[in-house]
C-alpha atoms as a PDB file:
ATOM      1  CA  MET A   1       0.000   0.000   0.000  1.00  0.00           C
ATOM      2  CA  GLU A   2       1.380   3.377  -0.979  1.00  0.00           C
ATOM      3  CA  ALA A   3       0.595   6.047   1.600  1.00  0.00           C
ATOM      4  CA  VAL A   4       1.050   9.811   1.631  1.00  0.00           C
ATOM      5  CA  LEU A   5       1.039  11.574   4.998  1.00  0.00           C
ATOM      6  CA  ILE A   6       0.739  15.355   5.026  1.00  0.00           C
ATOM      7  CA  ALA A   7       1.280  17.197   8.309  1.00  0.00           C
ATOM      8  CA  LEU A   8      -0.082  20.738   8.255  1.00  0.00           C
ATOM      9  CA  GLY A   9       0.709  23.563  10.627  1.00  0.00           C
ATOM     10  CA  ASN A  10       3.187  26.099  11.871  1.00  0.00           C
ATOM     11  CA  VAL A  11       5.469  24.908  14.688  1.00  0.00           C
ATOM     12  CA  PHE A  12       5.943  28.547  15.729  1.00  0.00           C
ATOM     13  CA  ARG A  13       2.224  28.797  16.592  1.00  0.00           C
ATOM     14  CA  ARG A  14       2.359  26.362  19.538  1.00  0.00           C
ATOM     15  CA  ASP A  15      -0.389  23.707  19.143  1.00  0.00           C
ATOM     16  CA  ASP A  16      -0.518  24.308  15.395  1.00  0.00           C
ATOM     17  CA  GLY A  17       2.579  22.069  15.327  1.00  0.00           C
ATOM     18  CA  ALA A  18       0.648  19.044  16.671  1.00  0.00           C
ATOM     19  CA  ALA A  19       0.484  17.310  13.274  1.00  0.00           C
ATOM     20  CA  ARG A  20       4.264  17.302  12.918  1.00  0.00           C
ATOM     21  CA  ARG A  21       4.601  15.921  16.448  1.00  0.00           C
ATOM     22  CA  ALA A  22       2.135  13.133  15.617  1.00  0.00           C
ATOM     23  CA  LEU A  23       4.227  12.193  12.562  1.00  0.00           C
ATOM     24  CA  LYS A  24       7.387  12.051  14.664  1.00  0.00           C
ATOM     25  CA  LEU A  25       5.635   9.841  17.224  1.00  0.00           C
ATOM     26  CA  LEU A  26       4.335   7.592  14.454  1.00  0.00           C
ATOM     27  CA  GLY A  27       7.884   6.853  13.403  1.00  0.00           C
ATOM     28  CA  PRO A  28       8.991   5.558  10.017  1.00  0.00           C
ATOM     29  CA  VAL A  29       6.318   4.283   7.657  1.00  0.00           C
ATOM     30  CA  PRO A  30       8.028   2.131   5.023  1.00  0.00           C
ATOM     31  CA  GLY A  31       7.301   3.343   1.515  1.00  0.00           C
ATOM     32  CA  ALA A  32       5.261   6.340   2.634  1.00  0.00           C
ATOM     33  CA  LYS A  33       5.768   9.823   1.248  1.00  0.00           C
ATOM     34  CA  ILE A  34       5.853  12.375   4.062  1.00  0.00           C
ATOM     35  CA  PHE A  35       5.190  16.082   3.675  1.00  0.00           C
ATOM     36  CA  GLU A  36       5.358  18.770   6.363  1.00  0.00           C
ATOM     37  CA  LEU A  37       3.649  21.947   5.171  1.00  0.00           C
ATOM     38  CA  ILE A  38       2.430  25.175   6.680  1.00  0.00           C
ATOM     39  CA  GLN A  39      -0.561  25.168   4.320  1.00  0.00           C
ATOM     40  CA  LEU A  40      -1.849  23.273   1.304  1.00  0.00           C
ATOM     41  CA  ALA A  41      -1.249  24.484  -2.235  1.00  0.00           C
ATOM     42  CA  PRO A  42      -2.522  23.037  -5.538  1.00  0.00           C
ATOM     43  CA  GLU A  43       0.865  21.505  -6.360  1.00  0.00           C
ATOM     44  CA  ILE A  44       0.485  18.793  -3.693  1.00  0.00           C
ATOM     45  CA  SER A  45      -2.402  17.305  -5.694  1.00  0.00           C
ATOM     46  CA  GLU A  46       0.108  15.726  -8.089  1.00  0.00           C
ATOM     47  CA  ASP A  47       2.084  14.202  -5.212  1.00  0.00           C
ATOM     48  CA  ILE A  48      -0.929  12.299  -3.872  1.00  0.00           C
ATOM     49  CA  ALA A  49      -2.161  11.037  -7.258  1.00  0.00           C
ATOM     50  CA  GLY A  50      -0.658   7.535  -7.142  1.00  0.00           C
ATOM     51  CA  ALA A  51      -1.344   6.835  -3.469  1.00  0.00           C
ATOM     52  CA  ASP A  52      -3.672   4.172  -2.167  1.00  0.00           C
ATOM     53  CA  VAL A  53      -4.305   6.295   0.907  1.00  0.00           C
ATOM     54  CA  VAL A  54      -3.577   9.913   1.788  1.00  0.00           C
ATOM     55  CA  VAL A  55      -3.902  11.284   5.310  1.00  0.00           C
ATOM     56  CA  PHE A  56      -3.965  14.987   6.083  1.00  0.00           C
ATOM     57  CA  LEU A  57      -2.971  15.650   9.709  1.00  0.00           C
ATOM     58  CA  ASP A  58      -3.905  19.017  11.153  1.00  0.00           C
ATOM     59  CA  ALA A  59      -4.392  20.746  14.479  1.00  0.00           C
ATOM     60  CA  ASP A  60      -8.002  21.472  15.338  1.00  0.00           C
ATOM     61  CA  LEU A  61      -9.679  24.191  17.390  1.00  0.00           C
ATOM     62  CA  GLU A  62     -12.599  21.932  18.358  1.00  0.00           C
ATOM     63  CA  PRO A  63     -12.089  20.351  21.767  1.00  0.00           C
ATOM     64  CA  GLY A  64     -12.166  16.610  22.253  1.00  0.00           C
ATOM     65  CA  PRO A  65     -10.005  13.638  21.361  1.00  0.00           C
ATOM     66  CA  ALA A  66      -7.916  13.158  18.251  1.00  0.00           C
ATOM     67  CA  ARG A  67      -9.953  11.646  15.452  1.00  0.00           C
ATOM     68  CA  LEU A  68      -9.411  10.050  12.078  1.00  0.00           C
ATOM     69  CA  GLU A  69     -12.266  10.449   9.616  1.00  0.00           C
ATOM     70  CA  PRO A  70     -12.792  10.066   5.880  1.00  0.00           C
ATOM     71  CA  ALA A  71     -12.401  13.278   3.908  1.00  0.00           C
ATOM     72  CA  GLY A  72     -15.791  14.519   2.840  1.00  0.00           C
ATOM     73  CA  PRO A  73     -16.922  16.256  -0.324  1.00  0.00           C
ATOM     74  CA  VAL A  74     -15.570  19.631  -1.365  1.00  0.00           C
ATOM     75  CA  PRO A  75     -17.158  22.357   0.793  1.00  0.00           C
ATOM     76  CA  ALA A  76     -19.803  24.536  -0.855  1.00  0.00           C
ATOM     77  CA  SER A  77     -17.606  27.627  -0.535  1.00  0.00           C
ATOM     78  CA  PRO A  78     -14.132  26.726  -1.774  1.00  0.00           C
ATOM     79  CA  SER A  79     -11.103  28.617  -0.518  1.00  0.00           C
ATOM     80  CA  PRO A  80      -9.461  31.089  -2.874  1.00  0.00           C
ATOM     81  CA  LEU A  81      -6.482  29.593  -4.731  1.00  0.00           C
ATOM     82  CA  ALA A  82      -4.374  32.590  -3.732  1.00  0.00           C
ATOM     83  CA  HIS A  83      -4.401  31.413  -0.105  1.00  0.00           C
ATOM     84  CA  ALA A  84      -4.546  27.859   1.223  1.00  0.00           C
ATOM     85  CA  LEU A  85      -6.659  24.957   0.055  1.00  0.00           C
ATOM     86  CA  ARG A  86      -8.650  22.567   2.201  1.00  0.00           C
ATOM     87  CA  PRO A  87      -7.726  18.871   2.084  1.00  0.00           C
ATOM     88  CA  GLU A  88     -10.976  18.046   0.280  1.00  0.00           C
ATOM     89  CA  GLU A  89     -10.100  20.539  -2.450  1.00  0.00           C
ATOM     90  CA  VAL A  90      -6.642  19.022  -2.923  1.00  0.00           C
ATOM     91  CA  VAL A  91      -8.180  15.549  -3.211  1.00  0.00           C
ATOM     92  CA  GLU A  92     -10.695  16.783  -5.784  1.00  0.00           C
ATOM     93  CA  LEU A  93      -7.950  18.483  -7.814  1.00  0.00           C
ATOM     94  CA  SER A  94      -5.910  15.278  -7.748  1.00  0.00           C
ATOM     95  CA  ARG A  95      -8.927  13.249  -8.894  1.00  0.00           C
ATOM     96  CA  ARG A  96      -9.717  15.571 -11.776  1.00  0.00           C
ATOM     97  CA  LEU A  97      -6.193  16.358 -12.955  1.00  0.00           C
ATOM     98  CA  PHE A  98      -4.195  13.229 -12.116  1.00  0.00           C
ATOM     99  CA  GLY A  99      -6.718  10.418 -11.656  1.00  0.00           C
ATOM    100  CA  PHE A 100      -6.377   9.927  -7.882  1.00  0.00           C
ATOM    101  CA  ARG A 101      -8.477   6.911  -6.871  1.00  0.00           C
ATOM    102  CA  GLY A 102      -7.242   6.245  -3.334  1.00  0.00           C
ATOM    103  CA  GLU A 103      -8.786   6.850   0.055  1.00  0.00           C
ATOM    104  CA  ALA A 104      -8.470  10.262   1.699  1.00  0.00           C
ATOM    105  CA  TRP A 105      -8.551  10.748   5.460  1.00  0.00           C
ATOM    106  CA  LEU A 106      -8.394  13.699   7.849  1.00  0.00           C
ATOM    107  CA  CYS A 107      -6.611  13.305  11.179  1.00  0.00           C
ATOM    108  CA  ARG A 108      -7.776  16.093  13.449  1.00  0.00           C
ATOM    109  CA  ILE A 109      -5.617  16.856  16.478  1.00  0.00           C
ATOM    110  CA  PRO A 110      -7.307  19.216  18.956  1.00  0.00           C
ATOM    111  CA  GLY A 111      -5.238  21.838  20.713  1.00  0.00           C
ATOM    112  CA  GLU A 112      -5.893  24.851  22.872  1.00  0.00           C
ATOM    113  CA  ASP A 113      -2.982  27.290  22.512  1.00  0.00           C
ATOM    114  CA  PHE A 114      -2.320  28.638  19.017  1.00  0.00           C
ATOM    115  CA  GLY A 115      -0.396  31.724  20.129  1.00  0.00           C
ATOM    116  CA  GLU A 116       3.137  32.586  19.118  1.00  0.00           C
ATOM    117  CA  GLY A 117       5.831  30.322  20.499  1.00  0.00           C
ATOM    118  CA  GLU A 118       7.116  26.782  20.293  1.00  0.00           C
ATOM    119  CA  GLY A 119       6.031  23.594  22.019  1.00  0.00           C
ATOM    120  CA  LEU A 120       2.658  21.993  22.533  1.00  0.00           C
ATOM    121  CA  SER A 121       0.172  22.365  25.349  1.00  0.00           C
ATOM    122  CA  GLU A 122      -0.430  19.257  27.434  1.00  0.00           C
ATOM    123  CA  ARG A 123      -3.748  18.655  25.647  1.00  0.00           C
ATOM    124  CA  ALA A 124      -2.226  18.918  22.162  1.00  0.00           C
ATOM    125  CA  ALA A 125       0.702  16.654  23.135  1.00  0.00           C
ATOM    126  CA  GLU A 126      -1.735  14.034  24.443  1.00  0.00           C
ATOM    127  CA  ASN A 127      -3.824  14.295  21.275  1.00  0.00           C
ATOM    128  CA  ALA A 128      -0.692  14.006  19.093  1.00  0.00           C
ATOM    129  CA  ARG A 129       0.124  10.697  20.848  1.00  0.00           C
ATOM    130  CA  ALA A 130      -3.457   9.508  20.289  1.00  0.00           C
ATOM    131  CA  ALA A 131      -3.315  10.563  16.625  1.00  0.00           C
ATOM    132  CA  ALA A 132      -0.099   8.579  16.102  1.00  0.00           C
ATOM    133  CA  ALA A 133      -1.834   5.495  17.561  1.00  0.00           C
ATOM    134  CA  LEU A 134      -4.864   6.000  15.284  1.00  0.00           C
ATOM    135  CA  LEU A 135      -2.582   6.299  12.265  1.00  0.00           C
ATOM    136  CA  ARG A 136      -0.644   3.152  13.203  1.00  0.00           C
ATOM    137  CA  MET A 137      -3.900   1.198  13.291  1.00  0.00           C
ATOM    138  CA  ARG A 138      -5.166   2.677  10.014  1.00  0.00           C
ATOM    139  CA  LEU A 139      -1.929   2.112   8.124  1.00  0.00           C
ATOM    140  CA  ALA A 140      -1.642  -1.478   9.392  1.00  0.00           C
ATOM    141  CA  ARG A 141      -4.783  -2.470   7.430  1.00  0.00           C
END
């Protein structure tokens, strides 16, 4: 199985770096392509095209536990291409332009402190550990 894991967030905005921490805790994933990005751009759609599964990891403002869920349809109000795309938009671009046929998942990692600085809050660190465990289970299938 070819996997693409994309960690989103800015490590200089505290809990926004939770996705990168989850990837580090996950450890090596043989054969997987790993990307660490501040935001999504259209170009990443080509990189996911041949994958069997793509997982977008991102910090989340909603409280609760880390969760892994299938990516849904493209939102009714797409983001402007001049800024950042949503994962669903990248998946749709990859389907239309490059024939992506794999599964797409969102790994949401709740945090509480998105202010300037480095390091994760206790809640985000705990959720990053939980996200790594969820990903291990998903990728083992």
